[in-house]
């Protein structure tokens, strides 16, 4: 493919990432309105967010396999269509079951787009230029996150919540048309067998753990909650044992024997676990403690996303020149610094501190993601790009899902559970006395996240030299 063709292809891929990023952040600010309009229970509205992420987590490796089997570009394009259909149906939702169900469908489209985008980049660009490409991909994520945060605040304040889904329809259709015209499927097909049993076991284990954790936000620890949490752990152990015996597993565990791949996957999981809750904890702080409107709260985060978008390509180029270890590890260290700053917030802290800390975190993320993504795709064999990209998405999304749930559980330890959840979805604010208690409570969450980020940096630092696996030793 010519340089011009590669640039056009990257534009389409970035558009896909932008759409999925918009939908990750825009929904958060619309939760209170959705709850009221559709009469969704306070403890059920969280599944509008978690359900979407959980579907992407479960399907990532499987749709990556399908991309290897039938064409990554074809599956990427199909993802746009399913995502648009899911968005259309979400906009037409009429009750609790419909909005959650259609969000799950939207997640199927998001999985096809997110899991195959990394593989399409790897097919399109040579190894020495992939870091730069992944850096531009991070621009798509940051621009999408900015649009999601800003549009979410504006739409919730001035329009109907249904427009957070309507806006995906024209954007998704345009991206699909561009993908048809620009992207070419040049990858070799590879036979795979879908691991349905593994997907069911992983899904049941994660769902059981998440259900137990979300129930902790609205009720005291009980035998039922203990059973859900312990049952989830048991199911995940069984999943690991079953996967070892599979000839074509959902998660090829031998990946941890490959220099770079194993540590990169674990670093992605831990980074997401530590960092994804930050957005929600900050929104709880800004709306619940500082009494800001959704629009005002979202605008404070915009500079960070803009800075992250600028840093992404720079971090990618640096990874191309000196390898992924230093940019990725330093990026994690910078994010840890931002977490420590958040842990010093008080009910009267100047709001510019939030802006500065979020910008620092965005610089770290802009350095980590392109380097880590490039490391994974350089180490994977060409015939298994889809699986490698899907596995990276699975590990990162697993961290995101549990980070989201942990944010609510931790927040509910310092004030009443019902009040914490109401603050989380933005339907109430705190009095002066409870604001002090709540702010002190989230400090422990930020310190815990900083500790997890240290572990992520350790795995990033110990990864081996970037090596391509020989094609005769693919992932499966």
Protein backbone atom coordinates (compact mmCIF):
# COMPACT_ATOMS: atom_id res chain seq x y z
CA UNK A 1 0.00 0.00 0.00
CA UNK A 2 1.28 3.49 -0.86
CA UNK A 3 2.03 6.07 1.78
CA UNK A 4 -1.13 7.97 0.77
CA UNK A 5 -3.14 4.76 1.04
CA UNK A 6 -1.68 4.08 4.48
CA UNK A 7 -2.61 7.59 5.63
CA UNK A 8 -6.21 7.18 4.43
CA UNK A 9 -6.42 3.76 6.07
CA UNK A 10 -5.15 5.21 9.34
CA UNK A 11 -7.78 7.96 9.12
CA UNK A 12 -10.54 5.35 8.88
CA UNK A 13 -9.11 3.31 11.77
CA UNK A 14 -8.81 6.42 13.94
CA UNK A 15 -12.45 7.22 13.14
CA UNK A 16 -13.45 3.78 14.46
CA UNK A 17 -11.52 4.28 17.68
CA UNK A 18 -13.05 7.75 18.03
CA UNK A 19 -16.59 6.37 17.85
CA UNK A 20 -16.00 3.70 20.49
CA UNK A 21 -14.24 6.25 22.73
CA UNK A 22 -17.16 8.66 22.46
CA UNK A 23 -19.55 5.97 23.58
CA UNK A 24 -17.40 4.96 26.55
CA UNK A 25 -17.44 8.42 28.15
CA UNK A 26 -20.64 10.03 26.88
CA UNK A 27 -22.96 7.53 28.59
CA UNK A 28 -21.62 8.29 32.09
CA UNK A 29 -22.99 11.83 32.16
CA UNK A 30 -26.38 10.68 30.84
CA UNK A 31 -27.01 8.00 33.49
CA UNK A 32 -29.26 10.15 35.73
CA UNK A 33 -31.50 11.15 32.82
CA UNK A 34 -31.72 7.60 31.52
CA UNK A 35 -32.57 6.37 34.99
CA UNK A 36 -35.45 8.83 35.30
CA UNK A 37 -36.81 8.52 31.75
CA UNK A 38 -36.75 4.71 31.57
CA UNK A 39 -37.48 4.08 35.25
CA UNK A 40 -34.26 2.10 35.64
CA UNK A 41 -33.45 0.94 39.17
CA UNK A 42 -30.56 2.73 40.85
CA UNK A 43 -28.61 -0.52 41.19
CA UNK A 44 -29.35 -1.56 37.58
CA UNK A 45 -28.29 1.58 35.75
CA UNK A 46 -24.62 0.64 36.20
CA UNK A 47 -25.13 -2.22 33.74
CA UNK A 48 -25.67 0.32 30.98
CA UNK A 49 -21.92 0.94 31.27
CA UNK A 50 -20.61 -2.38 32.64
CA UNK A 51 -22.69 -4.52 30.24
CA UNK A 52 -21.16 -2.77 27.23
CA UNK A 53 -17.63 -3.23 28.55
CA UNK A 54 -18.26 -6.83 29.57
CA UNK A 55 -19.43 -7.83 26.08
CA UNK A 56 -16.32 -6.29 24.52
CA UNK A 57 -14.17 -8.12 27.07
CA UNK A 58 -15.76 -11.52 26.35
CA UNK A 59 -15.82 -11.22 22.57
CA UNK A 60 -12.47 -9.56 21.91
CA UNK A 61 -10.38 -12.69 21.34
CA UNK A 62 -13.19 -14.51 19.54
CA UNK A 63 -13.87 -11.72 17.03
CA UNK A 64 -10.10 -11.42 16.64
CA UNK A 65 -10.07 -15.09 15.64
CA UNK A 66 -12.95 -14.48 13.25
CA UNK A 67 -10.93 -11.65 11.73
CA UNK A 68 -8.00 -14.02 11.19
CA UNK A 69 -10.39 -16.56 9.62
CA UNK A 70 -12.55 -14.40 7.35
CA UNK A 71 -10.66 -11.12 6.98
CA UNK A 72 -9.85 -8.46 9.54
CA UNK A 73 -11.05 -5.58 7.40
CA UNK A 74 -14.34 -7.34 6.68
CA UNK A 75 -14.98 -7.92 10.38
CA UNK A 76 -13.91 -4.35 11.17
CA UNK A 77 -16.45 -3.02 8.67
CA UNK A 78 -19.17 -5.31 10.02
CA UNK A 79 -18.44 -3.90 13.47
CA UNK A 80 -19.44 -0.44 12.25
CA UNK A 81 -22.79 -1.72 10.99
CA UNK A 82 -23.61 -3.56 14.23
CA UNK A 83 -22.49 -0.59 16.30
CA UNK A 84 -24.74 1.76 14.31
CA UNK A 85 -27.68 -0.64 14.65
CA UNK A 86 -27.09 -0.92 18.40
CA UNK A 87 -26.89 2.87 18.74
CA UNK A 88 -30.13 3.31 16.79
CA UNK A 89 -31.94 0.83 19.00
CA UNK A 90 -30.49 2.37 22.19
CA UNK A 91 -31.91 5.73 21.09
CA UNK A 92 -35.33 4.07 20.73
CA UNK A 93 -35.19 2.23 24.09
CA UNK A 94 -38.40 2.22 26.13
CA UNK A 95 -37.50 0.50 29.44
CA UNK A 96 -34.70 -0.93 31.57
CA UNK A 97 -34.43 -4.25 29.73
CA UNK A 98 -34.33 -2.63 26.29
CA UNK A 99 -31.56 -0.11 27.05
CA UNK A 100 -29.35 -2.76 28.68
CA UNK A 101 -30.05 -5.31 25.93
CA UNK A 102 -29.33 -2.88 23.11
CA UNK A 103 -26.16 -1.72 24.85
CA UNK A 104 -25.02 -5.35 24.78
CA UNK A 105 -25.64 -5.40 21.01
CA UNK A 106 -23.69 -2.17 20.70
CA UNK A 107 -20.88 -3.88 22.58
CA UNK A 108 -20.74 -6.61 19.91
CA UNK A 109 -20.07 -3.94 17.29
CA UNK A 110 -17.56 -2.24 19.57
CA UNK A 111 -15.72 -5.54 20.05
CA UNK A 112 -15.44 -6.08 16.28
CA UNK A 113 -14.09 -2.56 15.77
CA UNK A 114 -11.77 -2.40 18.78
CA UNK A 115 -10.34 -5.93 18.50
CA UNK A 116 -9.57 -5.79 14.80
CA UNK A 117 -8.29 -2.20 14.62
CA UNK A 118 -4.88 -3.09 16.05
CA UNK A 119 -4.55 -6.00 13.64
CA UNK A 120 -5.55 -3.83 10.66
CA UNK A 121 -2.83 -1.33 11.62
CA UNK A 122 -0.31 -4.19 11.89
CA UNK A 123 -1.36 -5.40 8.41
CA UNK A 124 -1.13 -1.90 6.95
CA UNK A 125 2.13 -0.60 8.43
CA UNK A 126 5.60 -2.17 8.65
CA UNK A 127 6.96 -2.86 12.16
CA UNK A 128 9.21 0.19 12.19
CA UNK A 129 6.22 2.54 11.61
CA UNK A 130 3.59 0.91 13.80
CA UNK A 131 4.42 2.86 16.94
CA UNK A 132 3.70 6.12 15.11
CA UNK A 133 0.45 4.68 13.75
CA UNK A 134 -0.66 3.57 17.20
CA UNK A 135 0.24 7.04 18.44
CA UNK A 136 -2.17 8.61 15.97
CA UNK A 137 -4.69 5.99 17.02
CA UNK A 138 -4.44 7.43 20.53
CA UNK A 139 -5.44 10.81 19.07
CA UNK A 140 -8.68 9.16 17.96
CA UNK A 141 -9.25 7.86 21.47
CA UNK A 142 -8.54 11.21 23.12
CA UNK A 143 -10.60 13.23 20.63
CA UNK A 144 -13.43 10.73 21.05
CA UNK A 145 -13.17 10.93 24.83
CA UNK A 146 -13.23 14.74 24.65
CA UNK A 147 -16.28 14.69 22.39
CA UNK A 148 -17.92 12.15 24.69
CA UNK A 149 -17.31 14.20 27.81
CA UNK A 150 -18.24 17.57 26.28
CA UNK A 151 -21.16 16.35 24.16
CA UNK A 152 -22.41 14.27 27.07
CA UNK A 153 -22.53 17.33 29.28
CA UNK A 154 -24.15 19.52 26.61
CA UNK A 155 -26.69 16.89 25.56
CA UNK A 156 -27.70 16.07 29.13
CA UNK A 157 -28.09 19.78 29.92
CA UNK A 158 -29.81 21.06 26.78
CA UNK A 159 -31.14 18.07 24.79
CA UNK A 160 -32.60 14.61 25.32
CA UNK A 161 -30.31 11.81 26.54
CA UNK A 162 -31.35 9.86 23.42
CA UNK A 163 -29.09 12.09 21.33
CA UNK A 164 -26.01 10.49 22.90
CA UNK A 165 -26.89 7.47 20.75
CA UNK A 166 -28.38 9.25 17.74
CA UNK A 167 -25.09 11.03 17.04
CA UNK A 168 -23.35 7.67 16.51
CA UNK A 169 -25.58 6.81 13.55
CA UNK A 170 -24.34 9.31 10.90
CA UNK A 171 -20.75 9.08 12.13
CA UNK A 172 -20.79 5.27 12.00
CA UNK A 173 -22.35 5.17 8.53
CA UNK A 174 -19.75 7.63 7.20
CA UNK A 175 -16.91 5.60 8.74
CA UNK A 176 -18.33 2.41 7.21
CA UNK A 177 -18.46 3.98 3.72
CA UNK A 178 -14.88 5.24 4.06
CA UNK A 179 -13.72 1.82 5.24
CA UNK A 180 -15.27 0.18 2.17
CA UNK A 181 -13.45 2.59 -0.11
CA UNK A 182 -10.07 2.73 1.62
CA UNK A 183 -9.29 -0.45 3.57
CA UNK A 184 -8.03 -3.52 1.73
CA UNK A 185 -7.92 -6.99 3.25
CA UNK A 186 -4.44 -8.34 2.49
CA UNK A 187 -4.01 -10.71 5.43
CA UNK A 188 -3.74 -14.46 4.99
CA UNK A 189 -6.63 -16.51 6.31
CA UNK A 190 -6.00 -18.83 9.24
CA UNK A 191 -8.28 -21.63 10.43
CA UNK A 192 -9.53 -21.35 14.02
CA UNK A 193 -12.16 -23.00 16.18
CA UNK A 194 -14.24 -20.70 18.35
CA UNK A 195 -13.94 -21.48 22.05
CA UNK A 196 -17.58 -21.29 23.14
CA UNK A 197 -17.03 -23.15 26.43
CA UNK A 198 -14.18 -20.82 27.39
CA UNK A 199 -16.25 -17.75 26.56
CA UNK A 200 -19.18 -19.03 28.66
CA UNK A 201 -16.95 -19.84 31.65
CA UNK A 202 -15.14 -16.50 31.51
CA UNK A 203 -18.41 -14.63 31.09
CA UNK A 204 -20.07 -16.44 33.98
CA UNK A 205 -17.06 -15.87 36.25
CA UNK A 206 -16.74 -12.17 35.47
CA UNK A 207 -20.50 -11.62 35.71
CA UNK A 208 -20.68 -13.37 39.08
CA UNK A 209 -17.85 -11.25 40.49
CA UNK A 210 -19.29 -8.03 39.08
CA UNK A 211 -22.79 -8.79 40.31
CA UNK A 212 -21.45 -9.46 43.80
CA UNK A 213 -19.41 -6.25 43.77
CA UNK A 214 -22.28 -4.07 42.53
CA UNK A 215 -24.61 -5.52 45.19
CA UNK A 216 -22.06 -4.43 47.79
CA UNK A 217 -22.79 -0.84 46.75
CA UNK A 218 -26.41 -1.04 47.88
CA UNK A 219 -26.46 -3.63 50.69
CA UNK A 220 -24.32 -5.09 53.45
CA UNK A 221 -22.15 -8.16 53.02
CA UNK A 222 -24.34 -11.27 53.03
CA UNK A 223 -24.15 -14.96 52.28
CA UNK A 224 -25.50 -14.32 48.79
CA UNK A 225 -22.80 -11.77 48.01
CA UNK A 226 -20.08 -14.06 49.38
CA UNK A 227 -21.45 -16.88 47.21
CA UNK A 228 -21.40 -14.66 44.12
CA UNK A 229 -17.84 -13.50 44.73
CA UNK A 230 -16.46 -16.94 45.62
CA UNK A 231 -18.40 -18.56 42.78
CA UNK A 232 -16.90 -16.09 40.33
CA UNK A 233 -13.39 -16.94 41.50
CA UNK A 234 -14.08 -20.68 41.19
CA UNK A 235 -15.44 -20.25 37.67
CA UNK A 236 -12.35 -18.29 36.62
CA UNK A 237 -10.09 -21.04 38.01
CA UNK A 238 -12.09 -23.65 36.08
CA UNK A 239 -11.81 -21.42 33.00
CA UNK A 240 -8.01 -21.39 33.31
CA UNK A 241 -7.89 -25.19 33.67
CA UNK A 242 -10.19 -25.76 30.70
CA UNK A 243 -8.19 -23.35 28.55
CA UNK A 244 -5.00 -25.32 29.19
CA UNK A 245 -6.64 -28.42 27.73
CA UNK A 246 -8.10 -26.69 24.65
CA UNK A 247 -6.40 -27.09 21.29
CA UNK A 248 -7.61 -23.64 20.19
CA UNK A 249 -8.33 -21.75 23.44
CA UNK A 250 -10.02 -18.41 23.92
CA UNK A 251 -6.94 -17.12 25.76
CA UNK A 252 -3.78 -18.97 24.68
CA UNK A 253 -1.97 -19.22 28.01
CA UNK A 254 1.31 -20.06 26.28
CA UNK A 255 1.46 -16.38 25.43
CA UNK A 256 3.12 -15.83 28.80
CA UNK A 257 6.12 -17.81 27.56
CA UNK A 258 6.74 -15.30 24.79
CA UNK A 259 9.13 -12.43 25.56
CA UNK A 260 7.27 -9.08 25.55
CA UNK A 261 3.75 -10.46 25.01
CA UNK A 262 2.98 -11.75 28.52
CA UNK A 263 4.30 -8.73 30.46
CA UNK A 264 2.69 -6.35 27.95
CA UNK A 265 -0.73 -7.97 28.43
CA UNK A 266 -0.46 -7.88 32.24
CA UNK A 267 0.74 -4.27 32.14
CA UNK A 268 -2.32 -3.36 30.04
CA UNK A 269 -4.65 -5.09 32.52
CA UNK A 270 -3.12 -3.44 35.58
CA UNK A 271 -2.99 -0.01 33.95
CA UNK A 272 -6.70 -0.20 33.13
CA UNK A 273 -7.54 -1.48 36.60
CA UNK A 274 -5.69 1.45 38.17
CA UNK A 275 -6.69 4.20 35.79
CA UNK A 276 -10.17 3.63 34.39
CA UNK A 277 -11.93 4.42 37.70
CA UNK A 278 -10.24 7.83 37.81
CA UNK A 279 -12.76 9.39 35.42
CA UNK A 280 -15.71 8.22 37.49
CA UNK A 281 -14.19 9.11 40.86
CA UNK A 282 -13.37 12.60 39.58
CA UNK A 283 -16.87 13.10 38.25
CA UNK A 284 -18.23 11.99 41.63
CA UNK A 285 -15.91 14.49 43.32
CA UNK A 286 -16.71 17.36 40.95
CA UNK A 287 -20.47 16.82 40.88
CA UNK A 288 -21.06 15.43 44.37
CA UNK A 289 -18.51 17.35 46.45
CA UNK A 290 -17.98 20.52 44.41
CA UNK A 291 -21.60 20.73 43.14
CA UNK A 292 -20.59 21.35 39.50
CA UNK A 293 -23.00 20.77 36.64
CA UNK A 294 -22.25 17.97 34.14
CA UNK A 295 -21.08 20.53 31.57
CA UNK A 296 -18.77 22.35 33.99
CA UNK A 297 -17.34 19.10 35.32
CA UNK A 298 -16.68 17.74 31.83
CA UNK A 299 -14.99 20.93 30.59
CA UNK A 300 -12.36 20.67 33.33
CA UNK A 301 -11.20 17.37 31.81
CA UNK A 302 -10.92 18.59 28.21
CA UNK A 303 -7.33 19.98 28.46
CA UNK A 304 -6.10 16.58 29.60
CA UNK A 305 -7.61 14.80 26.61
CA UNK A 306 -6.20 17.40 24.21
CA UNK A 307 -2.71 17.07 25.69
CA UNK A 308 -2.97 13.26 25.60
CA UNK A 309 -3.84 13.41 21.91
CA UNK A 310 -0.75 15.51 21.20
CA UNK A 311 1.57 13.27 23.24
CA UNK A 312 0.33 9.99 21.66
CA UNK A 313 2.14 10.27 18.29
CA UNK A 314 5.29 11.50 20.05
CA UNK A 315 5.23 8.48 22.35
CA UNK A 316 4.66 6.23 19.35
CA UNK A 317 7.62 7.65 17.43
CA UNK A 318 9.81 7.30 20.50
CA UNK A 319 8.80 3.64 20.81
CA UNK A 320 9.74 3.10 17.15
CA UNK A 321 13.21 4.57 17.76
CA UNK A 322 14.23 3.18 21.16
CA UNK A 323 11.78 0.35 21.77
CA UNK A 324 8.66 0.18 23.96
CA UNK A 325 10.13 -0.44 27.42
CA UNK A 326 11.21 3.08 28.37
CA UNK A 327 8.24 5.05 26.92
CA UNK A 328 5.68 2.60 28.34
CA UNK A 329 7.27 2.34 31.78
CA UNK A 330 7.88 6.09 32.14
CA UNK A 331 4.28 6.68 31.04
CA UNK A 332 3.02 4.44 33.84
CA UNK A 333 5.20 6.30 36.33
CA UNK A 334 3.74 9.62 35.19
CA UNK A 335 0.20 8.27 35.64
CA UNK A 336 1.11 7.15 39.16
CA UNK A 337 2.15 10.75 39.93
CA UNK A 338 -1.28 11.97 38.80
CA UNK A 339 -2.98 9.46 41.10
CA UNK A 340 -0.95 10.68 44.06
CA UNK A 341 -2.04 14.26 43.31
CA UNK A 342 -5.70 13.18 43.27
CA UNK A 343 -5.17 11.59 46.68
CA UNK A 344 -4.45 15.07 48.12
CA UNK A 345 -7.74 16.66 47.00
CA UNK A 346 -9.97 18.27 49.65
CA UNK A 347 -13.50 19.70 49.42
CA UNK A 348 -11.95 23.15 48.92
CA UNK A 349 -8.95 22.36 46.67
CA UNK A 350 -8.53 24.77 43.73
CA UNK A 351 -10.11 23.22 40.65
CA UNK A 352 -7.01 23.94 38.58
CA UNK A 353 -5.32 21.10 40.50
CA UNK A 354 -7.77 18.67 38.91
CA UNK A 355 -6.97 20.11 35.47
CA UNK A 356 -3.23 19.80 36.03
CA UNK A 357 -3.44 16.27 37.44
CA UNK A 358 -5.68 15.05 34.64
CA UNK A 359 -3.27 16.54 32.09
CA UNK A 360 -0.33 14.80 33.76
CA UNK A 361 -2.20 11.49 33.67
CA UNK A 362 -3.00 12.04 29.98
CA UNK A 363 0.69 12.59 29.20
CA UNK A 364 1.49 9.28 30.86
CA UNK A 365 -1.28 7.47 28.99
CA UNK A 366 -0.16 9.02 25.70
CA UNK A 367 3.30 7.59 26.30
CA UNK A 368 2.15 4.14 27.50
CA UNK A 369 -0.54 3.05 25.04
CA UNK A 370 1.26 3.44 21.67
CA UNK A 371 4.41 1.81 23.04
CA UNK A 372 2.58 -1.09 24.66
CA UNK A 373 0.34 -1.73 21.63
CA UNK A 374 3.32 -1.63 19.29
CA UNK A 375 5.23 -4.07 21.50
CA UNK A 376 2.39 -6.61 21.38
CA UNK A 377 1.89 -6.45 17.62
CA UNK A 378 5.63 -6.56 16.87
CA UNK A 379 6.03 -9.69 18.97
CA UNK A 380 3.01 -11.52 17.52
CA UNK A 381 3.24 -13.59 14.32
CA UNK A 382 1.54 -12.05 11.28
CA UNK A 383 -1.00 -14.88 10.98
CA UNK A 384 -2.17 -14.27 14.56
CA UNK A 385 -2.45 -10.47 14.57
CA UNK A 386 -6.20 -10.75 15.16
CA UNK A 387 -5.78 -12.97 18.22
CA UNK A 388 -3.01 -10.78 19.65
CA UNK A 389 -5.04 -7.62 19.16
CA UNK A 390 -8.12 -9.29 20.66
CA UNK A 391 -6.19 -10.58 23.67
CA UNK A 392 -4.77 -7.14 24.36
CA UNK A 393 -8.31 -5.73 24.28
CA UNK A 394 -9.54 -8.53 26.57
CA UNK A 395 -6.86 -7.89 29.19
CA UNK A 396 -7.33 -4.11 29.07
CA UNK A 397 -11.13 -4.35 29.22
CA UNK A 398 -11.03 -6.80 32.13
CA UNK A 399 -9.13 -4.17 34.08
CA UNK A 400 -11.60 -1.47 32.99
CA UNK A 401 -14.65 -3.49 34.05
CA UNK A 402 -13.32 -4.20 37.53
CA UNK A 403 -11.92 -0.70 37.95
CA UNK A 404 -15.41 0.67 37.36
CA UNK A 405 -16.96 -1.68 39.94
CA UNK A 406 -14.21 -1.08 42.49
CA UNK A 407 -14.72 2.68 42.26
CA UNK A 408 -18.29 2.31 43.47
CA UNK A 409 -17.44 -0.21 46.19
CA UNK A 410 -14.63 1.95 47.61
CA UNK A 411 -16.73 5.11 47.48
CA UNK A 412 -19.53 3.38 49.36
CA UNK A 413 -17.28 2.70 52.37
CA UNK A 414 -17.10 6.30 53.57
CA UNK A 415 -20.76 7.32 53.26
CA UNK A 416 -24.04 5.46 53.01
CA UNK A 417 -24.20 3.01 50.12
CA UNK A 418 -27.36 4.51 48.66
CA UNK A 419 -25.89 8.01 48.74
CA UNK A 420 -22.60 6.87 47.17
CA UNK A 421 -24.42 5.23 44.29
CA UNK A 422 -26.65 8.25 43.77
CA UNK A 423 -23.55 10.46 43.59
CA UNK A 424 -21.95 8.02 41.20
CA UNK A 425 -24.77 8.36 38.67
CA UNK A 426 -24.97 12.11 39.32
CA UNK A 427 -28.46 12.26 40.79
CA UNK A 428 -27.47 13.95 44.09
CA UNK A 429 -24.75 16.00 45.77
CA UNK A 430 -23.20 15.97 49.24
CA UNK A 431 -23.57 18.24 52.23
CA UNK A 432 -20.45 19.85 53.68
CA UNK A 433 -20.01 17.25 56.44
CA UNK A 434 -20.49 14.20 54.22
CA UNK A 435 -18.30 15.79 51.51
CA UNK A 436 -15.33 15.71 53.88
CA UNK A 437 -15.96 12.05 54.71
CA UNK A 438 -16.44 11.10 51.08
CA UNK A 439 -13.30 12.92 49.90
CA UNK A 440 -11.25 11.15 52.56
CA UNK A 441 -12.74 7.86 51.42
CA UNK A 442 -11.74 8.25 47.78
CA UNK A 443 -8.18 9.04 48.86
CA UNK A 444 -7.77 5.36 49.70
CA UNK A 445 -9.02 4.48 46.21
CA UNK A 446 -6.43 6.72 44.59
CA UNK A 447 -3.62 5.35 46.79
CA UNK A 448 -4.69 1.80 45.92
CA UNK A 449 -4.69 2.71 42.22
CA UNK A 450 -1.20 4.18 42.57
CA UNK A 451 -0.01 0.89 44.07
CA UNK A 452 -1.53 -1.07 41.17
CA UNK A 453 0.16 1.32 38.73
CA UNK A 454 3.51 0.51 40.36
CA UNK A 455 2.89 -3.17 39.60
CA UNK A 456 2.00 -2.28 36.01
CA UNK A 457 5.28 -0.37 35.67
CA UNK A 458 7.19 -3.36 37.08
CA UNK A 459 5.74 -5.70 34.44
CA UNK A 460 6.43 -3.13 31.75
CA UNK A 461 10.05 -2.78 32.85
CA UNK A 462 10.80 -6.52 32.98
CA UNK A 463 9.47 -7.37 29.51
CA UNK A 464 12.10 -8.92 27.27
CA UNK A 465 13.53 -7.41 24.15
CA UNK A 466 10.96 -7.06 21.37
CA UNK A 467 11.07 -10.24 19.33
CA UNK A 468 8.81 -11.50 16.59
CA UNK A 469 7.58 -15.01 17.18
CA UNK A 470 8.52 -17.27 14.32
CA UNK A 471 5.53 -18.11 12.13
CA UNK A 472 5.90 -21.81 12.85
CA UNK A 473 5.11 -21.05 16.51
CA UNK A 474 1.88 -19.05 16.34
CA UNK A 475 -0.27 -18.20 19.32
CA UNK A 476 -2.53 -21.15 18.67
